[in-house]
Protein backbone atom coordinates (compact mmCIF):
# COMPACT_ATOMS: atom_id res chain seq x y z
CA UNK A 1 24.31 -8.54 -9.37
CA UNK A 2 21.15 -9.48 -11.31
CA UNK A 3 22.25 -13.11 -11.53
CA UNK A 4 22.91 -13.18 -7.80
CA UNK A 5 19.53 -11.63 -7.05
CA UNK A 6 17.73 -14.14 -9.25
CA UNK A 7 19.22 -17.14 -7.48
CA UNK A 8 18.55 -15.50 -4.14
CA UNK A 9 14.88 -15.77 -5.13
CA UNK A 10 15.30 -19.46 -5.94
CA UNK A 11 13.00 -21.56 -3.74
CA UNK A 12 15.60 -23.51 -1.80
CA UNK A 13 13.03 -24.80 0.70
CA UNK A 14 11.01 -26.35 -2.11
CA UNK A 15 14.13 -27.88 -3.62
CA UNK A 16 15.09 -29.30 -0.21
CA UNK A 17 11.76 -31.11 0.13
CA UNK A 18 12.05 -32.41 -3.43
CA UNK A 19 15.52 -33.82 -2.76
CA UNK A 20 14.30 -35.58 0.41
CA UNK A 21 11.67 -37.35 -1.70
CA UNK A 22 14.28 -38.21 -4.34
CA UNK A 23 16.56 -39.69 -1.68
CA UNK A 24 13.69 -41.81 -0.40
CA UNK A 25 13.04 -42.87 -4.02
CA UNK A 26 16.60 -44.10 -4.63
CA UNK A 27 16.74 -45.98 -1.31
CA UNK A 28 13.33 -47.59 -1.84
CA UNK A 29 14.12 -48.63 -5.42
CA UNK A 30 17.31 -50.24 -4.12
CA UNK A 31 15.39 -52.10 -1.43
CA UNK A 32 12.44 -53.09 -3.62
CA UNK A 33 14.58 -54.43 -6.49
CA UNK A 34 17.10 -56.32 -4.35
CA UNK A 35 17.58 -59.87 -5.66
CA UNK A 36 15.31 -59.20 -8.66
CA UNK A 37 15.98 -58.68 -12.37
CA UNK A 38 15.65 -54.95 -11.70
CA UNK A 39 18.69 -54.84 -9.41
CA UNK A 40 20.75 -51.74 -10.13
CA UNK A 41 17.84 -49.55 -11.20
CA UNK A 42 18.46 -47.33 -8.18
CA UNK A 43 21.75 -46.29 -9.79
CA UNK A 44 19.94 -45.28 -12.97
CA UNK A 45 17.40 -43.38 -10.89
CA UNK A 46 20.24 -41.51 -9.18
CA UNK A 47 21.58 -40.34 -12.55
CA UNK A 48 18.08 -39.37 -13.71
CA UNK A 49 17.72 -37.24 -10.57
CA UNK A 50 21.17 -35.70 -11.09
CA UNK A 51 20.17 -34.83 -14.66
CA UNK A 52 16.90 -33.39 -13.40
CA UNK A 53 18.71 -31.31 -10.80
CA UNK A 54 20.89 -29.78 -13.52
CA UNK A 55 17.80 -29.22 -15.68
CA UNK A 56 15.91 -27.40 -12.93
CA UNK A 57 18.70 -24.80 -12.61
CA UNK A 58 19.12 -24.38 -16.37
CA UNK A 59 15.38 -24.18 -17.02
CA UNK A 60 14.83 -21.65 -14.25
CA UNK A 61 17.33 -19.26 -15.87
CA UNK A 62 15.33 -18.91 -19.10
CA UNK A 63 12.69 -16.19 -18.73
CA UNK A 64 9.32 -17.96 -18.80
CA UNK A 65 7.98 -15.28 -21.15
CA UNK A 66 10.49 -16.49 -23.74
CA UNK A 67 9.34 -20.05 -23.12
CA UNK A 68 5.77 -18.95 -23.82
CA UNK A 69 6.93 -17.36 -27.09
CA UNK A 70 8.41 -20.71 -28.15
CA UNK A 71 5.22 -22.66 -27.36
CA UNK A 72 3.78 -22.82 -30.93
CA UNK A 73 6.99 -24.42 -32.21
CA UNK A 74 7.27 -26.78 -29.25
CA UNK A 75 3.62 -27.78 -29.58
CA UNK A 76 4.07 -28.61 -33.26
CA UNK A 77 7.21 -30.66 -32.56
CA UNK A 78 5.40 -32.54 -29.78
CA UNK A 79 2.61 -33.56 -32.18
CA UNK A 80 5.20 -34.81 -34.67
CA UNK A 81 6.92 -36.79 -31.88
CA UNK A 82 3.64 -38.41 -30.84
CA UNK A 83 2.91 -39.41 -34.42
CA UNK A 84 6.45 -40.80 -34.71
CA UNK A 85 5.85 -42.96 -31.63
CA UNK A 86 2.93 -44.62 -33.39
CA UNK A 87 4.91 -45.14 -36.60
CA UNK A 88 8.40 -46.11 -35.42
CA UNK A 89 8.11 -46.37 -31.63
CA UNK A 90 9.35 -49.30 -29.58
CA UNK A 91 6.57 -51.73 -28.66
CA UNK A 92 6.57 -52.91 -25.04
CA UNK A 93 3.73 -54.93 -23.45
CA UNK A 94 1.47 -54.31 -26.44
CA UNK A 95 1.84 -50.52 -26.55
CA UNK A 96 4.08 -48.14 -28.47
CA UNK A 97 5.06 -45.40 -26.04
CA UNK A 98 8.80 -44.98 -26.47
CA UNK A 99 11.27 -43.93 -29.14
CA UNK A 100 14.65 -45.62 -28.83
CA UNK A 101 17.58 -43.19 -28.84
CA UNK A 102 20.73 -45.29 -28.61
CA UNK A 103 20.77 -47.07 -25.24
CA UNK A 104 17.91 -44.94 -23.88
CA UNK A 105 14.15 -44.90 -24.40
CA UNK A 106 12.45 -41.52 -24.80
CA UNK A 107 8.75 -41.19 -23.92
CA UNK A 108 7.37 -38.09 -25.69
CA UNK A 109 3.99 -38.27 -23.95
CA UNK A 110 5.63 -37.35 -20.63
CA UNK A 111 7.30 -34.26 -22.09
CA UNK A 112 4.07 -33.18 -23.78
CA UNK A 113 2.64 -32.49 -20.31
CA UNK A 114 5.15 -29.68 -19.83
CA UNK A 115 4.42 -28.24 -23.28
CA UNK A 116 0.68 -28.35 -22.57
CA UNK A 117 1.16 -26.56 -19.25
CA UNK A 118 2.94 -23.74 -21.09
CA UNK A 119 0.51 -23.80 -24.04
CA UNK A 120 -2.58 -23.59 -21.83
CA UNK A 121 -0.99 -20.82 -19.74
CA UNK A 122 -0.17 -18.85 -22.90
CA UNK A 123 -3.64 -19.33 -24.35
CA UNK A 124 -5.61 -18.17 -21.32
CA UNK A 125 -3.16 -15.37 -20.49
CA UNK A 126 -3.65 -13.99 -24.00
CA UNK A 127 -7.40 -13.83 -23.36
CA UNK A 128 -6.63 -11.15 -20.79
CA UNK A 129 -8.73 -12.57 -17.96
CA UNK A 130 -12.06 -11.78 -19.66
CA UNK A 131 -15.12 -14.01 -19.38
CA UNK A 132 -14.77 -17.11 -21.50
CA UNK A 133 -17.00 -17.67 -24.51
CA UNK A 134 -17.92 -21.11 -25.82
CA UNK A 135 -15.54 -20.47 -28.71
CA UNK A 136 -12.69 -19.91 -26.22
CA UNK A 137 -13.58 -23.12 -24.39
CA UNK A 138 -13.76 -25.12 -27.62
CA UNK A 139 -10.30 -23.92 -28.67
CA UNK A 140 -8.89 -24.92 -25.27
CA UNK A 141 -10.39 -28.40 -25.66
CA UNK A 142 -8.81 -28.76 -29.10
CA UNK A 143 -5.46 -27.54 -27.79
CA UNK A 144 -5.35 -30.31 -25.18
CA UNK A 145 -7.52 -32.85 -27.00
CA UNK A 146 -5.34 -33.38 -30.07
CA UNK A 147 -2.22 -34.64 -28.20
CA UNK A 148 -4.49 -36.49 -25.79
CA UNK A 149 -6.03 -38.50 -28.65
CA UNK A 150 -2.58 -39.25 -30.09
CA UNK A 151 -1.51 -40.66 -26.72
CA UNK A 152 -4.74 -42.67 -26.36
CA UNK A 153 -4.12 -44.52 -29.63
CA UNK A 154 -0.64 -45.68 -28.48
CA UNK A 155 -2.51 -46.84 -26.28
CA UNK A 156 -1.56 -45.08 -23.03
CA UNK A 157 -4.70 -44.25 -21.06
CA UNK A 158 -2.82 -43.32 -17.89
CA UNK A 159 -0.64 -40.58 -19.41
CA UNK A 160 -3.53 -39.28 -21.53
CA UNK A 161 -5.58 -38.79 -18.36
CA UNK A 162 -2.84 -36.61 -16.84
CA UNK A 163 -3.52 -34.00 -19.55
CA UNK A 164 -7.04 -33.44 -18.21
CA UNK A 165 -6.10 -31.54 -15.00
CA UNK A 166 -4.04 -29.10 -17.09
CA UNK A 167 -7.15 -28.19 -19.06
CA UNK A 168 -9.33 -28.06 -15.93
CA UNK A 169 -6.88 -25.75 -14.12
CA UNK A 170 -6.67 -23.50 -17.18
CA UNK A 171 -10.46 -23.23 -17.52
CA UNK A 172 -10.92 -22.58 -13.79
CA UNK A 173 -8.26 -19.86 -13.60
CA UNK A 174 -9.13 -18.58 -17.07
CA UNK A 175 -12.59 -17.46 -15.97
CA UNK A 176 -15.12 -20.20 -16.76
CA UNK A 177 -18.48 -19.56 -15.07
CA UNK A 178 -20.70 -21.96 -13.10
CA UNK A 179 -23.25 -22.44 -15.88
CA UNK A 180 -20.57 -23.35 -18.41
CA UNK A 181 -18.96 -25.70 -15.89
CA UNK A 182 -22.22 -27.58 -15.25
CA UNK A 183 -22.89 -27.95 -18.98
CA UNK A 184 -19.36 -29.29 -19.58
CA UNK A 185 -19.62 -31.75 -16.68
CA UNK A 186 -22.95 -33.02 -18.02
CA UNK A 187 -21.61 -33.36 -21.55
CA UNK A 188 -18.50 -35.09 -20.20
CA UNK A 189 -20.59 -37.63 -18.30
CA UNK A 190 -22.67 -38.37 -21.42
CA UNK A 191 -19.52 -38.74 -23.54
CA UNK A 192 -17.88 -41.11 -21.05
CA UNK A 193 -21.01 -43.25 -20.89
CA UNK A 194 -21.23 -43.36 -24.70
CA UNK A 195 -17.52 -44.13 -25.08
CA UNK A 196 -17.77 -46.93 -22.52
CA UNK A 197 -20.75 -48.58 -24.18
CA UNK A 198 -19.45 -48.20 -27.74
CA UNK A 199 -16.40 -50.40 -27.19
CA UNK A 200 -14.38 -48.39 -29.73
CA UNK A 201 -12.66 -45.89 -27.46
CA UNK A 202 -11.39 -48.15 -24.67
CA UNK A 203 -9.85 -51.55 -25.23
CA UNK A 204 -11.18 -54.55 -23.22
CA UNK A 205 -8.09 -54.71 -20.98
CA UNK A 206 -8.42 -51.00 -20.21
CA UNK A 207 -12.04 -51.49 -19.18
CA UNK A 208 -11.02 -54.44 -17.03
CA UNK A 209 -8.41 -52.30 -15.26
CA UNK A 210 -10.91 -49.53 -14.63
CA UNK A 211 -13.48 -51.86 -13.09
CA UNK A 212 -11.33 -54.47 -11.33
CA UNK A 213 -10.58 -52.15 -8.38
CA UNK A 214 -14.25 -52.29 -7.36
CA UNK A 215 -14.05 -56.01 -6.64
CA UNK A 216 -10.58 -57.43 -7.38
CA UNK A 217 -11.54 -60.77 -5.76
CA UNK A 218 -13.60 -61.58 -8.86
CA UNK A 219 -10.36 -62.27 -10.77
CA UNK A 220 -7.57 -62.64 -8.17
CA UNK A 221 -5.09 -64.16 -10.62
CA UNK A 222 -5.92 -61.85 -13.52
CA UNK A 223 -7.13 -58.25 -13.55
CA UNK A 224 -7.39 -58.12 -9.75
CA UNK A 225 -3.93 -59.55 -9.02
CA UNK A 226 -1.94 -56.30 -8.94
CA UNK A 227 -4.44 -54.53 -6.71
CA UNK A 228 -4.79 -57.42 -4.28
CA UNK A 229 -1.03 -57.79 -3.87
CA UNK A 230 -0.68 -54.04 -3.40
CA UNK A 231 -3.34 -53.93 -0.67
CA UNK A 232 -1.75 -56.91 1.07
CA UNK A 233 1.65 -55.16 0.99
CA UNK A 234 0.30 -51.89 2.39
CA UNK A 235 -1.73 -53.65 5.08
CA UNK A 236 1.13 -55.91 6.16
CA UNK A 237 3.30 -52.87 6.87
CA UNK A 238 1.26 -52.00 9.96
CA UNK A 239 2.19 -48.88 11.92
CA UNK A 240 5.98 -48.96 11.72
CA UNK A 241 6.62 -51.30 8.77
CA UNK A 242 8.70 -54.43 8.42
CA UNK A 243 11.93 -52.58 7.74
CA UNK A 244 14.02 -51.97 4.64
CA UNK A 245 14.65 -55.08 2.54
CA UNK A 246 12.26 -57.09 4.75
CA UNK A 247 8.94 -56.72 2.94
CA UNK A 248 7.55 -60.19 2.25
CA UNK A 249 5.31 -59.09 -0.62
CA UNK A 250 8.04 -56.94 -2.14
CA UNK A 251 11.02 -59.22 -1.60
CA UNK A 252 8.95 -62.28 -2.42
CA UNK A 253 8.26 -60.87 -5.88
CA UNK A 254 4.49 -60.89 -5.33
CA UNK A 255 4.12 -57.12 -5.67
CA UNK A 256 4.26 -56.18 -9.39
CA UNK A 257 6.79 -53.54 -10.56
CA UNK A 258 7.50 -52.36 -6.98
CA UNK A 259 10.07 -49.80 -8.21
CA UNK A 260 7.66 -47.98 -10.52
CA UNK A 261 3.84 -47.90 -10.40
CA UNK A 262 3.62 -49.64 -7.00
CA UNK A 263 6.57 -48.05 -5.22
CA UNK A 264 4.26 -46.50 -2.62
CA UNK A 265 2.94 -49.96 -1.74
CA UNK A 266 6.52 -51.27 -1.36
CA UNK A 267 7.43 -48.26 0.79
CA UNK A 268 4.30 -48.70 2.90
CA UNK A 269 5.12 -52.36 3.54
CA UNK A 270 8.68 -51.58 4.63
CA UNK A 271 8.04 -48.35 6.56
CA UNK A 272 4.41 -48.68 7.61
CA UNK A 273 1.73 -46.09 8.24
CA UNK A 274 4.20 -43.63 9.79
CA UNK A 275 6.51 -43.71 6.77
CA UNK A 276 3.58 -43.37 4.35
CA UNK A 277 2.21 -40.35 6.22
CA UNK A 278 5.66 -38.74 6.19
CA UNK A 279 5.84 -39.05 2.39
CA UNK A 280 2.30 -37.72 1.96
CA UNK A 281 3.10 -34.74 4.19
CA UNK A 282 6.14 -34.00 2.03
CA UNK A 283 3.91 -33.96 -1.03
CA UNK A 284 1.43 -31.71 0.77
CA UNK A 285 4.11 -29.16 1.72
CA UNK A 286 5.54 -29.20 -1.82
CA UNK A 287 2.10 -28.51 -3.32
CA UNK A 288 1.34 -25.78 -0.77
CA UNK A 289 4.69 -24.14 -1.50
CA UNK A 290 3.93 -24.17 -5.22
CA UNK A 291 0.49 -22.64 -4.64
CA UNK A 292 2.10 -19.91 -2.53
CA UNK A 293 4.49 -19.18 -5.40
CA UNK A 294 1.55 -19.00 -7.82
CA UNK A 295 -0.11 -16.39 -5.61
CA UNK A 296 2.98 -14.16 -5.76
CA UNK A 297 3.57 -14.49 -9.53
CA UNK A 298 4.12 -11.29 -11.45
CA UNK A 299 1.35 -11.95 -13.98
CA UNK A 300 -1.49 -14.28 -14.95
CA UNK A 301 0.66 -16.40 -17.24
CA UNK A 302 3.06 -17.11 -14.37
CA UNK A 303 0.22 -18.14 -12.06
CA UNK A 304 -1.23 -20.37 -14.77
CA UNK A 305 2.11 -22.11 -15.31
CA UNK A 306 2.56 -22.95 -11.62
CA UNK A 307 -1.05 -24.01 -11.14
CA UNK A 308 -0.76 -26.24 -14.20
CA UNK A 309 2.19 -27.94 -12.51
CA UNK A 310 0.20 -28.22 -9.26
CA UNK A 311 -2.77 -29.72 -11.11
CA UNK A 312 -0.69 -32.44 -12.79
CA UNK A 313 1.26 -33.37 -9.66
CA UNK A 314 -1.87 -33.44 -7.49
CA UNK A 315 -3.66 -35.66 -10.01
CA UNK A 316 -0.75 -38.09 -10.28
CA UNK A 317 -0.25 -38.32 -6.51
CA UNK A 318 -3.97 -38.83 -5.84
CA UNK A 319 -4.41 -41.47 -8.56
CA UNK A 320 -1.22 -43.41 -7.75
CA UNK A 321 -1.74 -43.47 -3.98
CA UNK A 322 -5.44 -44.20 -4.47
CA UNK A 323 -4.51 -47.02 -6.83
CA UNK A 324 -2.21 -48.86 -4.41
CA UNK A 325 -4.79 -48.81 -1.60
CA UNK A 326 -7.70 -49.85 -3.83
CA UNK A 327 -9.55 -46.53 -4.14
CA UNK A 328 -8.59 -45.95 -7.78
CA UNK A 329 -8.25 -48.20 -10.85
CA UNK A 330 -4.83 -49.37 -12.00
CA UNK A 331 -3.84 -46.92 -14.74
CA UNK A 332 -0.04 -47.00 -14.76
CA UNK A 333 0.38 -43.40 -13.59
CA UNK A 334 3.76 -42.97 -11.81
CA UNK A 335 4.19 -41.38 -8.40
CA UNK A 336 6.07 -38.08 -8.97
CA UNK A 337 9.69 -38.00 -7.73
CA UNK A 338 9.45 -41.56 -6.37
CA UNK A 339 8.59 -43.94 -9.20
CA UNK A 340 11.46 -45.15 -11.37
CA UNK A 341 11.66 -43.70 -14.87
CA UNK A 342 13.82 -41.21 -16.71
CA UNK A 343 11.09 -39.43 -18.69
CA UNK A 344 8.84 -39.09 -15.64
CA UNK A 345 11.64 -37.82 -13.38
CA UNK A 346 12.95 -35.32 -15.92
CA UNK A 347 9.44 -34.02 -16.68
CA UNK A 348 8.81 -33.42 -12.98
CA UNK A 349 12.09 -31.56 -12.52
CA UNK A 350 11.51 -29.44 -15.63
CA UNK A 351 7.99 -28.64 -14.45
CA UNK A 352 9.39 -27.59 -11.07
CA UNK A 353 12.02 -25.60 -12.95
CA UNK A 354 9.24 -23.72 -14.75
CA UNK A 355 7.65 -22.96 -11.36
CA UNK A 356 11.00 -21.77 -10.01
CA UNK A 357 11.34 -19.66 -13.14
CA UNK A 358 8.13 -17.81 -12.32
CA UNK A 359 9.07 -17.34 -8.65
CA UNK A 360 12.48 -15.88 -9.50
CA UNK A 361 10.82 -13.18 -11.61
CA UNK A 362 7.98 -12.30 -9.25
CA UNK A 363 9.37 -8.80 -8.57
CA UNK A 364 10.24 -8.04 -12.19
CA UNK A 365 8.02 -5.40 -13.77
């Protein structure tokens, strides 16, 4: 009876919206990679989604309080995995981000996001909702900062940036006050300015990516190429789009990696403004549903877990969509549930599984 009741509390509406996005993902990857060297990647994406679907049910059955108890061990293992990436990881396009496991490539930095969501939730829940001291804030920064630095030296600026909203959500829900927030924002601005001018934190190509979106025409065949082609693809889609498999930028191989980082641009070219708005509305309803689940969580740790998931997904959606239309720099952050990639897809499903986990236990004392 208890098992039946728990799955009755499963958020089937949320899962339905997620599966609609996943279906769009598989179809768009098929269309975008047709007649390219990436042909067949839609099949791999289908299996990643199937694996994620199994994971979401399995993960939702483990009481999230037990997951929080396992956090110290998981956090330690994640740090070891990130160090291993630097030492024995597979080097692709000048960066070591993956560990080869047989025929597959495992990207630990994606999975660390889930561990950080749980770790931050555990940390602030243990503080009992009291006002935060500077010592509490410093510990939270160290908790997130250590894996973030390990990812930065791979180097993988995009994934490292996705750890930031987890910390911000934790501090906000954990009880940080306005004065502390203003001081942190000021210190953050000074640190960013110092890091930018020092030349030791960011590599030249990373700086070029972060600034090229302001005026990509300055280097149309270099740092501005990806952004220009993306904007052309989105703009050429018009209101209704050119139709599946008919995108000139996508099918002409002008749009870079249309199945991964720029899948939203490929989709916009083929399905136009109407199709793009439909996808964005799906994301909006998914995020609103998650926030609603956070509001009904049984305790603070549950709310923190779901809001950590919301923070990461919102950040990735905003940065990726902003990137393809020229409002954000090119950082290589995937679009959740749409971009191709096993580690990214499985992380998203496990994160949603953690949110489902909290929802299913909202009436448990």
